[in-house]
């Protein structure tokens, strides 16, 4: 069950943390690329949508020791919601 913490006048614990990286790109591949571009076109993140036969998803984060790339696995690519 989700919940929210009211920090009140206290400092949030994340306020003192250094950034671990910077979001460089989100790449989505789909047989429905045109529809995804229309849907996600104004989300305000560096998003690339490519036409592909099979869906795929990559996130690139620039970190101090080099880029970190998060990729979808076959199990997560085939997930369906709704």
C-alpha atoms as a PDB file:
ATOM      1  CA  UNK A   1       0.000   0.000   0.000  1.00  0.00           C
ATOM      2  CA  UNK A   2       1.597   3.298  -1.068  1.00  0.00           C
ATOM      3  CA  UNK A   3       1.949   6.084   1.441  1.00  0.00           C
ATOM      4  CA  UNK A   4       3.361   9.585   1.662  1.00  0.00           C
ATOM      5  CA  UNK A   5       5.606  11.083   4.310  1.00  0.00           C
ATOM      6  CA  UNK A   6       4.940  14.638   5.411  1.00  0.00           C
ATOM      7  CA  UNK A   7       8.420  15.942   6.213  1.00  0.00           C
ATOM      8  CA  UNK A   8       6.951  19.112   7.726  1.00  0.00           C
ATOM      9  CA  UNK A   9       9.742  21.542   8.616  1.00  0.00           C
ATOM     10  CA  UNK A  10      12.443  18.852   8.415  1.00  0.00           C
ATOM     11  CA  UNK A  11      14.934  18.628   5.573  1.00  0.00           C
ATOM     12  CA  UNK A  12      14.112  15.852   3.102  1.00  0.00           C
ATOM     13  CA  UNK A  13      16.833  13.138   3.246  1.00  0.00           C
ATOM     14  CA  UNK A  14      17.448  13.365  -0.516  1.00  0.00           C
ATOM     15  CA  UNK A  15      18.274  17.088  -0.353  1.00  0.00           C
ATOM     16  CA  UNK A  16      21.859  16.352   0.724  1.00  0.00           C
ATOM     17  CA  UNK A  17      22.584  13.696  -1.906  1.00  0.00           C
ATOM     18  CA  UNK A  18      24.800  14.296  -4.921  1.00  0.00           C
ATOM     19  CA  UNK A  19      23.357  13.503  -8.316  1.00  0.00           C
ATOM     20  CA  UNK A  20      24.460  10.019  -9.401  1.00  0.00           C
ATOM     21  CA  UNK A  21      24.019  10.792 -13.082  1.00  0.00           C
ATOM     22  CA  UNK A  22      22.163  12.712 -15.747  1.00  0.00           C
ATOM     23  CA  UNK A  23      19.454  11.332 -17.996  1.00  0.00           C
ATOM     24  CA  UNK A  24      20.914  11.424 -21.504  1.00  0.00           C
ATOM     25  CA  UNK A  25      18.325   9.582 -23.583  1.00  0.00           C
ATOM     26  CA  UNK A  26      15.322   7.328 -23.555  1.00  0.00           C
ATOM     27  CA  UNK A  27      15.000   5.214 -26.685  1.00  0.00           C
ATOM     28  CA  UNK A  28      11.783   3.395 -27.495  1.00  0.00           C
ATOM     29  CA  UNK A  29      11.485   1.045 -30.470  1.00  0.00           C
ATOM     30  CA  UNK A  30       8.076  -0.098 -31.621  1.00  0.00           C
ATOM     31  CA  UNK A  31       6.062  -1.193 -34.644  1.00  0.00           C
ATOM     32  CA  UNK A  32       3.769   1.706 -33.596  1.00  0.00           C
ATOM     33  CA  UNK A  33       6.435   4.420 -33.543  1.00  0.00           C
ATOM     34  CA  UNK A  34       4.299   7.146 -35.153  1.00  0.00           C
ATOM     35  CA  UNK A  35       1.538   6.720 -32.569  1.00  0.00           C
ATOM     36  CA  UNK A  36       4.092   6.707 -29.737  1.00  0.00           C
ATOM     37  CA  UNK A  37       5.694   9.901 -31.061  1.00  0.00           C
ATOM     38  CA  UNK A  38       2.293  11.608 -30.977  1.00  0.00           C
ATOM     39  CA  UNK A  39       1.572  10.284 -27.476  1.00  0.00           C
ATOM     40  CA  UNK A  40       5.012  10.951 -25.951  1.00  0.00           C
ATOM     41  CA  UNK A  41       6.138  13.910 -28.029  1.00  0.00           C
ATOM     42  CA  UNK A  42       5.832  16.514 -25.279  1.00  0.00           C
ATOM     43  CA  UNK A  43       6.935  14.675 -22.141  1.00  0.00           C
ATOM     44  CA  UNK A  44       9.945  16.955 -21.670  1.00  0.00           C
ATOM     45  CA  UNK A  45      12.682  14.314 -21.655  1.00  0.00           C
ATOM     46  CA  UNK A  46      15.307  13.401 -24.284  1.00  0.00           C
ATOM     47  CA  UNK A  47      13.162  10.808 -26.044  1.00  0.00           C
ATOM     48  CA  UNK A  48      13.915   8.971 -29.286  1.00  0.00           C
ATOM     49  CA  UNK A  49      11.180   6.816 -30.840  1.00  0.00           C
ATOM     50  CA  UNK A  50      12.215   4.468 -33.649  1.00  0.00           C
ATOM     51  CA  UNK A  51      10.232   2.193 -35.934  1.00  0.00           C
ATOM     52  CA  UNK A  52      11.094  -1.480 -35.335  1.00  0.00           C
ATOM     53  CA  UNK A  53       9.513  -4.892 -35.854  1.00  0.00           C
ATOM     54  CA  UNK A  54       9.757  -5.709 -32.129  1.00  0.00           C
ATOM     55  CA  UNK A  55       9.345  -3.393 -29.128  1.00  0.00           C
ATOM     56  CA  UNK A  56      12.448  -2.406 -27.192  1.00  0.00           C
ATOM     57  CA  UNK A  57      13.402   0.182 -24.572  1.00  0.00           C
ATOM     58  CA  UNK A  58      16.736   1.700 -23.467  1.00  0.00           C
ATOM     59  CA  UNK A  59      17.592   4.425 -20.968  1.00  0.00           C
ATOM     60  CA  UNK A  60      21.046   6.024 -21.017  1.00  0.00           C
ATOM     61  CA  UNK A  61      22.353   7.776 -17.910  1.00  0.00           C
ATOM     62  CA  UNK A  62      25.656   9.659 -17.967  1.00  0.00           C
ATOM     63  CA  UNK A  63      27.477   8.812 -14.727  1.00  0.00           C
ATOM     64  CA  UNK A  64      30.865   9.771 -13.309  1.00  0.00           C
ATOM     65  CA  UNK A  65      32.463   6.471 -14.407  1.00  0.00           C
ATOM     66  CA  UNK A  66      30.798   6.282 -17.824  1.00  0.00           C
ATOM     67  CA  UNK A  67      27.361   5.779 -19.305  1.00  0.00           C
ATOM     68  CA  UNK A  68      24.907   3.401 -17.684  1.00  0.00           C
ATOM     69  CA  UNK A  69      22.442   1.814 -20.109  1.00  0.00           C
ATOM     70  CA  UNK A  70      19.280   0.198 -18.788  1.00  0.00           C
ATOM     71  CA  UNK A  71      17.670  -2.162 -21.286  1.00  0.00           C
ATOM     72  CA  UNK A  72      14.379  -3.974 -21.384  1.00  0.00           C
ATOM     73  CA  UNK A  73      14.504  -7.729 -21.084  1.00  0.00           C
ATOM     74  CA  UNK A  74      12.343 -10.087 -23.168  1.00  0.00           C
ATOM     75  CA  UNK A  75      10.119 -10.554 -20.095  1.00  0.00           C
ATOM     76  CA  UNK A  76       9.534  -6.825 -19.556  1.00  0.00           C
ATOM     77  CA  UNK A  77       9.125  -5.981 -23.243  1.00  0.00           C
ATOM     78  CA  UNK A  78       6.251  -8.444 -23.497  1.00  0.00           C
ATOM     79  CA  UNK A  79       4.412  -7.051 -20.426  1.00  0.00           C
ATOM     80  CA  UNK A  80       0.943  -5.708 -21.063  1.00  0.00           C
ATOM     81  CA  UNK A  81      -0.962  -3.382 -18.770  1.00  0.00           C
ATOM     82  CA  UNK A  82      -4.598  -2.460 -18.611  1.00  0.00           C
END
